[in-house]
């Protein structure tokens, strides 16, 4: 005759407590805490350094366009140097102990795409030869320029509208690039963009 099992049924509360303990042990040993305890922390990338842990050079400015020399697609990059005794992964993925003279990463900054066409020339053409379509030819819109030439600037109305739009920088090159601005006008439009950005932030 088989012996009776001396085991008593486990209470549901006890079983739940044991299950929670097992789950906690698994999460600790396999989760991020366990990984940190099992090995050294992963080295930080240089571009993830905090302000004050690196310094960036000023961009090299083109005297003609007043924009960074390497501006492409509205973005330019400047060299950034981590502070001495900082250890991080540089732009090549190499873990480096910096002394303050090595380039750690390249920081993107915004800029204007300028292709060498002058704002002053465009405004002058629109004011004096707009009725012949010279401004539209200069900005890369030959079809509109020819239409203005044949209609004498849409009887003067189109010439006036174009002069206002070009003066307010609402019409640029057909390629999408912006024109070279005089220093005073450039400063005005920079402040205008900054104020528009602050207004949008306050609304949201």
Protein backbone atom coordinates (compact mmCIF):
# COMPACT_ATOMS: atom_id res chain seq x y z
CA UNK A 1 0.00 0.00 0.00
CA UNK A 2 1.46 3.39 -1.02
CA UNK A 3 2.46 5.77 1.74
CA UNK A 4 0.42 8.92 2.06
CA UNK A 5 2.12 12.15 0.91
CA UNK A 6 3.10 14.21 3.96
CA UNK A 7 3.01 17.41 1.83
CA UNK A 8 0.39 19.95 2.69
CA UNK A 9 -1.23 22.18 0.06
CA UNK A 10 0.46 25.57 -0.33
CA UNK A 11 -1.65 28.59 0.46
CA UNK A 12 -2.36 30.90 -2.50
CA UNK A 13 -0.71 33.84 -0.67
CA UNK A 14 2.49 31.86 -0.18
CA UNK A 15 2.61 30.77 -3.81
CA UNK A 16 2.10 34.34 -5.01
CA UNK A 17 4.90 35.59 -2.73
CA UNK A 18 7.30 32.93 -4.02
CA UNK A 19 6.42 33.75 -7.64
CA UNK A 20 7.04 37.47 -7.06
CA UNK A 21 10.40 36.64 -5.50
CA UNK A 22 11.45 34.59 -8.51
CA UNK A 23 10.37 37.32 -10.92
CA UNK A 24 12.27 39.95 -8.93
CA UNK A 25 15.43 37.83 -8.94
CA UNK A 26 15.22 37.32 -12.72
CA UNK A 27 14.66 41.01 -13.41
CA UNK A 28 17.61 42.04 -11.22
CA UNK A 29 20.06 39.55 -12.71
CA UNK A 30 19.11 40.06 -16.37
CA UNK A 31 17.96 43.71 -16.43
CA UNK A 32 20.05 46.88 -16.68
CA UNK A 33 21.01 46.66 -12.98
CA UNK A 34 22.39 43.19 -13.47
CA UNK A 35 24.30 44.26 -16.58
CA UNK A 36 25.80 47.20 -14.70
CA UNK A 37 26.80 44.97 -11.81
CA UNK A 38 28.26 42.34 -14.11
CA UNK A 39 30.53 44.66 -16.09
CA UNK A 40 31.78 48.19 -16.49
CA UNK A 41 29.55 50.99 -17.71
CA UNK A 42 29.57 51.70 -21.43
CA UNK A 43 31.67 54.72 -22.41
CA UNK A 44 29.65 57.82 -23.23
CA UNK A 45 29.71 59.24 -26.75
CA UNK A 46 31.36 62.65 -26.99
CA UNK A 47 28.28 64.25 -28.58
CA UNK A 48 26.30 63.26 -25.47
CA UNK A 49 28.51 65.32 -23.14
CA UNK A 50 26.85 68.01 -21.06
CA UNK A 51 27.38 71.75 -21.47
CA UNK A 52 30.63 72.76 -19.83
CA UNK A 53 32.32 69.45 -20.63
CA UNK A 54 33.32 70.59 -24.11
CA UNK A 55 34.00 73.74 -26.12
CA UNK A 56 33.23 74.32 -29.81
CA UNK A 57 35.09 76.55 -32.23
CA UNK A 58 33.33 79.38 -34.02
CA UNK A 59 32.53 78.53 -37.65
CA UNK A 60 34.67 79.99 -40.41
CA UNK A 61 32.55 82.69 -42.09
CA UNK A 62 32.57 83.43 -45.81
CA UNK A 63 33.11 87.19 -46.19
CA UNK A 64 30.88 87.38 -49.28
CA UNK A 65 27.87 85.42 -48.01
CA UNK A 66 28.28 86.02 -44.25
CA UNK A 67 27.50 82.33 -43.72
CA UNK A 68 29.65 79.38 -42.60
CA UNK A 69 31.95 78.13 -45.34
CA UNK A 70 30.74 74.52 -45.16
CA UNK A 71 27.00 75.30 -45.08
CA UNK A 72 25.04 72.58 -46.91
CA UNK A 73 21.29 71.92 -46.72
CA UNK A 74 20.88 74.66 -44.08
CA UNK A 75 23.40 72.91 -41.79
CA UNK A 76 27.07 73.53 -41.02
CA UNK A 77 29.36 71.68 -38.62
CA UNK A 78 31.85 73.06 -36.11
CA UNK A 79 34.66 71.25 -34.29
CA UNK A 80 34.10 70.53 -30.61
CA UNK A 81 36.83 69.68 -28.08
CA UNK A 82 36.05 67.76 -24.88
CA UNK A 83 37.60 69.17 -21.70
CA UNK A 84 40.86 67.71 -20.37
CA UNK A 85 40.61 64.32 -18.59
CA UNK A 86 37.26 63.54 -20.25
CA UNK A 87 36.95 59.98 -21.55
CA UNK A 88 34.40 59.43 -24.31
CA UNK A 89 33.97 57.93 -27.76
CA UNK A 90 34.98 60.35 -30.51
CA UNK A 91 33.34 60.80 -33.93
CA UNK A 92 35.17 57.68 -35.15
CA UNK A 93 33.86 55.52 -32.31
CA UNK A 94 37.25 55.30 -30.57
CA UNK A 95 37.39 55.58 -26.80
CA UNK A 96 39.80 58.45 -26.10
CA UNK A 97 41.22 60.14 -23.03
CA UNK A 98 41.15 63.80 -24.09
CA UNK A 99 43.66 66.47 -23.16
CA UNK A 100 41.63 69.41 -24.52
CA UNK A 101 43.31 69.66 -27.93
CA UNK A 102 41.66 66.73 -29.74
CA UNK A 103 38.44 66.97 -31.76
CA UNK A 104 35.75 64.86 -30.12
CA UNK A 105 32.80 65.46 -32.42
CA UNK A 106 31.29 67.86 -34.94
CA UNK A 107 28.28 69.85 -33.75
CA UNK A 108 25.62 70.83 -36.33
CA UNK A 109 24.50 74.45 -36.48
CA UNK A 110 21.81 76.04 -38.65
CA UNK A 111 22.73 78.35 -41.52
CA UNK A 112 21.31 79.88 -44.70
CA UNK A 113 21.93 78.32 -48.11
CA UNK A 114 23.39 81.18 -50.15
CA UNK A 115 24.37 80.70 -53.81
CA UNK A 116 26.05 84.03 -54.58
CA UNK A 117 23.03 85.96 -55.85
CA UNK A 118 22.63 89.40 -54.31
CA UNK A 119 19.50 90.73 -52.63
CA UNK A 120 20.45 94.30 -53.60
CA UNK A 121 20.75 93.36 -57.29
CA UNK A 122 17.38 91.59 -57.23
CA UNK A 123 15.65 94.60 -55.63
CA UNK A 124 17.29 97.03 -58.07
CA UNK A 125 16.26 94.94 -61.08
CA UNK A 126 12.73 94.69 -59.75
CA UNK A 127 12.52 98.44 -59.17
CA UNK A 128 13.97 99.67 -62.48
CA UNK A 129 13.55 96.77 -64.91
CA UNK A 130 10.75 94.80 -63.31
CA UNK A 131 8.36 95.74 -66.11
CA UNK A 132 10.69 93.85 -68.48
CA UNK A 133 10.82 90.78 -66.22
CA UNK A 134 14.53 91.19 -65.47
CA UNK A 135 14.02 90.40 -61.78
CA UNK A 136 12.34 87.08 -62.54
CA UNK A 137 15.03 86.13 -65.05
CA UNK A 138 17.67 86.92 -62.41
CA UNK A 139 15.93 84.76 -59.79
CA UNK A 140 15.58 81.80 -62.15
CA UNK A 141 11.95 82.10 -63.29
CA UNK A 142 12.32 82.50 -67.08
CA UNK A 143 8.67 81.72 -67.86
CA UNK A 144 7.37 84.45 -65.54
CA UNK A 145 10.08 86.80 -66.79
CA UNK A 146 9.02 86.28 -70.40
CA UNK A 147 5.36 86.74 -69.45
CA UNK A 148 6.14 90.02 -67.68
CA UNK A 149 8.20 91.16 -70.67
CA UNK A 150 5.33 90.48 -73.09
CA UNK A 151 2.69 92.14 -70.87
CA UNK A 152 4.87 95.05 -69.68
CA UNK A 153 4.90 93.76 -66.13
CA UNK A 154 1.21 92.78 -66.20
CA UNK A 155 0.46 96.44 -66.94
CA UNK A 156 2.62 97.52 -63.99
CA UNK A 157 0.60 95.65 -61.36
CA UNK A 158 2.76 92.52 -61.50
CA UNK A 159 5.93 94.62 -61.30
CA UNK A 160 4.69 96.35 -58.14
CA UNK A 161 3.70 93.06 -56.52
CA UNK A 162 7.04 91.48 -57.38
CA UNK A 163 8.93 94.48 -56.00
CA UNK A 164 7.10 94.16 -52.68
CA UNK A 165 7.60 90.37 -52.50
CA UNK A 166 11.29 90.54 -53.36
CA UNK A 167 11.90 93.41 -50.93
CA UNK A 168 10.26 91.42 -48.13
CA UNK A 169 12.28 88.29 -48.97
CA UNK A 170 9.13 86.36 -49.88
CA UNK A 171 10.61 85.44 -53.27
CA UNK A 172 14.06 83.87 -53.49
CA UNK A 173 15.94 81.86 -56.08
CA UNK A 174 13.96 79.13 -57.85
CA UNK A 175 16.53 76.61 -56.56
CA UNK A 176 15.40 77.35 -53.00
CA UNK A 177 18.68 79.02 -52.02
CA UNK A 178 18.62 82.39 -50.32
CA UNK A 179 20.31 85.58 -51.50
CA UNK A 180 23.21 87.52 -50.01
CA UNK A 181 21.80 90.18 -47.69
CA UNK A 182 23.40 93.49 -46.67
CA UNK A 183 24.47 93.48 -43.02
CA UNK A 184 21.65 95.71 -41.74
CA UNK A 185 18.93 93.84 -43.59
CA UNK A 186 20.47 90.51 -42.61
CA UNK A 187 20.35 91.56 -38.94
CA UNK A 188 16.71 92.62 -39.31
CA UNK A 189 15.64 89.27 -40.75
CA UNK A 190 17.59 87.35 -38.08
CA UNK A 191 15.75 89.25 -35.34
CA UNK A 192 12.47 88.69 -37.17
CA UNK A 193 13.04 84.93 -37.23
CA UNK A 194 14.00 84.91 -33.55
CA UNK A 195 10.87 86.83 -32.57
CA UNK A 196 8.68 84.53 -34.66
CA UNK A 197 10.26 81.53 -32.92
CA UNK A 198 9.57 83.03 -29.48
CA UNK A 199 5.96 83.78 -30.43
CA UNK A 200 5.38 80.21 -31.61
CA UNK A 201 6.85 78.83 -28.36
CA UNK A 202 4.62 81.08 -26.25
CA UNK A 203 1.54 79.93 -28.21
CA UNK A 204 2.36 76.26 -27.67
